[in-house]
Amino acid sequence: MADQWNKEAVRTPTTIGSMEIVLKDKDGQAANHSAQYNIDVYDQNGNFMKRMEGNLRPHLTSAQLTTIVSFLAAMRTKAEEEILP
């Protein structure tokens, strides 16, 4: 009986569920940009195990960071043109 309980208690992460990336441009300055991630992890039975979250910047290449900075600058410009008088 104890062996059966131990086998059922083992949970192995097998599936990545929802992934969320949040990019923030606080004031138009590249030094103040941030990129955060949230990843939902599920076990072998399809049950939610945990949400991993953190700073995405250390996981990006310099080319990816440059692309994100350019994207945020373009979105800020677009917002200013379309929203501000």
N, C-alpha and C. Protein backbone atom coordinates (compact mmCIF):
# COMPACT_ATOMS: atom_id res chain seq x y z
N MET A 1 0.81 -1.18 0.00
CA MET A 1 0.00 0.00 0.00
C MET A 1 0.87 1.26 0.00
N ALA A 2 1.96 1.26 0.79
CA ALA A 2 2.83 2.43 0.84
C ALA A 2 3.47 2.70 -0.52
N ASP A 3 3.86 1.62 -1.24
CA ASP A 3 4.45 1.80 -2.56
C ASP A 3 3.47 2.46 -3.51
N GLN A 4 2.23 2.08 -3.49
CA GLN A 4 1.21 2.65 -4.36
C GLN A 4 1.05 4.14 -4.08
N TRP A 5 1.02 4.52 -2.82
CA TRP A 5 0.86 5.93 -2.47
C TRP A 5 2.05 6.74 -2.98
N ASN A 6 3.26 6.23 -2.81
CA ASN A 6 4.45 6.94 -3.26
C ASN A 6 4.46 7.12 -4.77
N LYS A 7 4.01 6.13 -5.51
CA LYS A 7 3.98 6.25 -6.96
C LYS A 7 2.99 7.32 -7.40
N GLU A 8 1.86 7.41 -6.74
CA GLU A 8 0.87 8.41 -7.10
C GLU A 8 1.30 9.81 -6.69
N ALA A 9 2.14 9.90 -5.67
CA ALA A 9 2.56 11.21 -5.18
C ALA A 9 3.59 11.88 -6.10
N VAL A 10 4.25 11.09 -6.94
CA VAL A 10 5.27 11.65 -7.83
C VAL A 10 4.58 12.41 -8.96
N ARG A 11 4.90 13.67 -9.05
CA ARG A 11 4.34 14.50 -10.12
C ARG A 11 5.49 14.97 -11.01
N THR A 12 5.32 14.76 -12.29
CA THR A 12 6.34 15.14 -13.25
C THR A 12 5.79 16.22 -14.17
N PRO A 13 6.50 17.34 -14.29
CA PRO A 13 6.03 18.36 -15.23
C PRO A 13 6.17 17.84 -16.66
N THR A 14 5.06 17.84 -17.40
CA THR A 14 5.07 17.29 -18.75
C THR A 14 4.54 18.24 -19.82
N THR A 15 3.83 19.28 -19.39
CA THR A 15 3.19 20.16 -20.37
C THR A 15 3.31 21.62 -19.95
N ILE A 16 3.60 22.44 -20.92
CA ILE A 16 3.57 23.89 -20.72
C ILE A 16 2.19 24.34 -21.19
N GLY A 17 1.49 25.01 -20.31
CA GLY A 17 0.17 25.54 -20.66
C GLY A 17 0.31 26.96 -21.18
N SER A 18 -0.42 27.85 -20.57
CA SER A 18 -0.43 29.25 -20.97
C SER A 18 0.93 29.89 -20.74
N MET A 19 1.35 30.68 -21.72
CA MET A 19 2.56 31.49 -21.59
C MET A 19 2.15 32.94 -21.80
N GLU A 20 2.65 33.80 -20.95
CA GLU A 20 2.29 35.21 -21.02
C GLU A 20 3.58 36.04 -20.94
N ILE A 21 3.72 36.97 -21.87
CA ILE A 21 4.87 37.87 -21.88
C ILE A 21 4.32 39.29 -21.74
N VAL A 22 4.83 40.02 -20.76
CA VAL A 22 4.39 41.39 -20.52
C VAL A 22 5.56 42.32 -20.78
N LEU A 23 5.39 43.22 -21.76
CA LEU A 23 6.40 44.21 -22.08
C LEU A 23 5.92 45.56 -21.56
N LYS A 24 6.80 46.28 -20.88
CA LYS A 24 6.43 47.59 -20.35
C LYS A 24 7.43 48.65 -20.80
N ASP A 25 6.86 49.77 -21.19
CA ASP A 25 7.65 50.96 -21.52
C ASP A 25 7.14 52.04 -20.58
N LYS A 26 7.90 52.33 -19.54
CA LYS A 26 7.41 53.24 -18.49
C LYS A 26 7.47 54.70 -18.90
N ASP A 27 8.49 55.08 -19.64
CA ASP A 27 8.65 56.51 -19.95
C ASP A 27 9.36 56.78 -21.28
N GLY A 28 9.48 55.78 -22.12
CA GLY A 28 10.13 55.97 -23.41
C GLY A 28 11.64 55.78 -23.38
N GLN A 29 12.21 55.59 -22.21
CA GLN A 29 13.65 55.38 -22.09
C GLN A 29 13.94 53.87 -22.10
N ALA A 30 14.84 53.44 -22.96
CA ALA A 30 15.15 52.01 -23.10
C ALA A 30 15.58 51.38 -21.78
N ALA A 31 16.27 52.14 -20.94
CA ALA A 31 16.74 51.60 -19.67
C ALA A 31 15.59 51.25 -18.73
N ASN A 32 14.41 51.83 -18.98
CA ASN A 32 13.26 51.60 -18.12
C ASN A 32 12.25 50.62 -18.70
N HIS A 33 12.63 49.93 -19.76
CA HIS A 33 11.76 48.90 -20.32
C HIS A 33 11.88 47.63 -19.48
N SER A 34 10.81 46.86 -19.44
CA SER A 34 10.88 45.58 -18.74
C SER A 34 10.15 44.52 -19.55
N ALA A 35 10.53 43.28 -19.33
CA ALA A 35 9.90 42.14 -19.98
C ALA A 35 9.77 41.04 -18.92
N GLN A 36 8.54 40.67 -18.62
CA GLN A 36 8.25 39.66 -17.61
C GLN A 36 7.57 38.47 -18.28
N TYR A 37 7.74 37.28 -17.71
CA TYR A 37 7.06 36.10 -18.23
C TYR A 37 6.28 35.39 -17.13
N ASN A 38 5.22 34.72 -17.53
CA ASN A 38 4.44 33.82 -16.68
C ASN A 38 4.20 32.55 -17.49
N ILE A 39 4.53 31.41 -16.93
CA ILE A 39 4.36 30.14 -17.62
C ILE A 39 3.65 29.16 -16.68
N ASP A 40 2.53 28.60 -17.15
CA ASP A 40 1.81 27.59 -16.37
C ASP A 40 2.33 26.20 -16.73
N VAL A 41 2.65 25.41 -15.70
CA VAL A 41 3.21 24.07 -15.88
C VAL A 41 2.21 23.03 -15.36
N TYR A 42 2.01 21.97 -16.15
CA TYR A 42 1.07 20.91 -15.80
C TYR A 42 1.79 19.58 -15.68
N ASP A 43 1.24 18.69 -14.85
CA ASP A 43 1.86 17.38 -14.64
C ASP A 43 1.36 16.35 -15.63
N GLN A 44 1.83 15.11 -15.44
CA GLN A 44 1.52 14.02 -16.36
C GLN A 44 0.02 13.68 -16.40
N ASN A 45 -0.73 14.13 -15.39
CA ASN A 45 -2.18 13.88 -15.37
C ASN A 45 -2.97 15.09 -15.86
N GLY A 46 -2.28 16.10 -16.34
CA GLY A 46 -2.95 17.29 -16.82
C GLY A 46 -3.35 18.26 -15.73
N ASN A 47 -2.86 18.03 -14.51
CA ASN A 47 -3.17 18.91 -13.39
C ASN A 47 -2.16 20.03 -13.29
N PHE A 48 -2.66 21.21 -12.96
CA PHE A 48 -1.80 22.37 -12.78
C PHE A 48 -0.81 22.11 -11.65
N MET A 49 0.47 22.40 -11.90
CA MET A 49 1.50 22.23 -10.87
C MET A 49 1.93 23.57 -10.29
N LYS A 50 2.33 24.47 -11.18
CA LYS A 50 2.83 25.76 -10.70
C LYS A 50 2.87 26.77 -11.82
N ARG A 51 2.97 28.03 -11.42
CA ARG A 51 3.18 29.12 -12.37
C ARG A 51 4.59 29.63 -12.14
N MET A 52 5.37 29.60 -13.19
CA MET A 52 6.72 30.15 -13.13
C MET A 52 6.65 31.57 -13.66
N GLU A 53 7.32 32.48 -13.00
CA GLU A 53 7.31 33.87 -13.44
C GLU A 53 8.64 34.52 -13.12
N GLY A 54 8.94 35.53 -13.92
CA GLY A 54 10.19 36.22 -13.66
C GLY A 54 10.56 37.21 -14.74
N ASN A 55 11.77 37.70 -14.64
CA ASN A 55 12.32 38.67 -15.57
C ASN A 55 12.80 37.94 -16.82
N LEU A 56 12.32 38.35 -17.97
CA LEU A 56 12.68 37.70 -19.23
C LEU A 56 14.02 38.20 -19.77
N ARG A 57 14.42 39.39 -19.41
CA ARG A 57 15.62 40.01 -20.00
C ARG A 57 16.87 39.14 -19.95
N PRO A 58 17.18 38.46 -18.83
CA PRO A 58 18.40 37.65 -18.81
C PRO A 58 18.38 36.47 -19.80
N HIS A 59 17.20 36.13 -20.31
CA HIS A 59 17.07 34.99 -21.21
C HIS A 59 17.07 35.40 -22.68
N LEU A 60 17.18 36.70 -22.95
CA LEU A 60 17.12 37.20 -24.32
C LEU A 60 18.51 37.52 -24.85
N THR A 61 18.67 37.35 -26.15
CA THR A 61 19.92 37.75 -26.80
C THR A 61 19.90 39.27 -26.98
N SER A 62 21.05 39.84 -27.29
CA SER A 62 21.10 41.28 -27.52
C SER A 62 20.25 41.67 -28.73
N ALA A 63 20.18 40.81 -29.74
CA ALA A 63 19.35 41.09 -30.91
C ALA A 63 17.86 41.10 -30.53
N GLN A 64 17.45 40.17 -29.69
CA GLN A 64 16.06 40.13 -29.24
C GLN A 64 15.73 41.37 -28.41
N LEU A 65 16.65 41.79 -27.54
CA LEU A 65 16.42 43.00 -26.75
C LEU A 65 16.29 44.22 -27.65
N THR A 66 17.14 44.30 -28.65
CA THR A 66 17.07 45.42 -29.60
C THR A 66 15.73 45.44 -30.30
N THR A 67 15.24 44.28 -30.70
CA THR A 67 13.95 44.19 -31.37
C THR A 67 12.82 44.64 -30.44
N ILE A 68 12.87 44.22 -29.19
CA ILE A 68 11.84 44.61 -28.24
C ILE A 68 11.87 46.11 -27.99
N VAL A 69 13.06 46.68 -27.83
CA VAL A 69 13.18 48.13 -27.62
C VAL A 69 12.60 48.88 -28.81
N SER A 70 12.91 48.43 -30.02
CA SER A 70 12.38 49.07 -31.23
C SER A 70 10.87 48.95 -31.30
N PHE A 71 10.35 47.77 -30.97
CA PHE A 71 8.91 47.54 -30.97
C PHE A 71 8.21 48.47 -29.98
N LEU A 72 8.74 48.56 -28.75
CA LEU A 72 8.13 49.42 -27.75
C LEU A 72 8.18 50.88 -28.17
N ALA A 73 9.28 51.31 -28.77
CA ALA A 73 9.38 52.69 -29.26
C ALA A 73 8.34 52.96 -30.34
N ALA A 74 8.16 52.01 -31.24
CA ALA A 74 7.17 52.17 -32.31
C ALA A 74 5.75 52.22 -31.74
N MET A 75 5.46 51.39 -30.74
CA MET A 75 4.14 51.39 -30.13
C MET A 75 3.88 52.68 -29.35
N ARG A 76 4.92 53.22 -28.70
CA ARG A 76 4.78 54.50 -27.98
C ARG A 76 4.48 55.62 -28.98
N THR A 77 5.21 55.64 -30.09
CA THR A 77 4.99 56.65 -31.12
C THR A 77 3.58 56.55 -31.68
N LYS A 78 3.16 55.35 -31.97
CA LYS A 78 1.80 55.13 -32.50
C LYS A 78 0.75 55.60 -31.51
N ALA A 79 0.92 55.27 -30.23
CA ALA A 79 -0.04 55.68 -29.20
C ALA A 79 -0.08 57.20 -29.10
N GLU A 80 1.09 57.84 -29.10
CA GLU A 80 1.14 59.30 -29.01
C GLU A 80 0.45 59.94 -30.19
N GLU A 81 0.65 59.41 -31.39
CA GLU A 81 0.05 59.98 -32.61
C GLU A 81 -1.47 59.80 -32.62
N GLU A 82 -1.93 58.65 -32.12
CA GLU A 82 -3.36 58.35 -32.23
C GLU A 82 -4.18 58.81 -31.03
N ILE A 83 -3.55 59.00 -29.88
CA ILE A 83 -4.29 59.32 -28.68
C ILE A 83 -4.15 60.78 -28.27
N LEU A 84 -2.94 61.31 -28.37
CA LEU A 84 -2.71 62.68 -27.90
C LEU A 84 -3.12 63.69 -28.99
N PRO A 85 -3.59 64.86 -28.54
CA PRO A 85 -4.01 65.87 -29.55
C PRO A 85 -2.82 66.47 -30.28
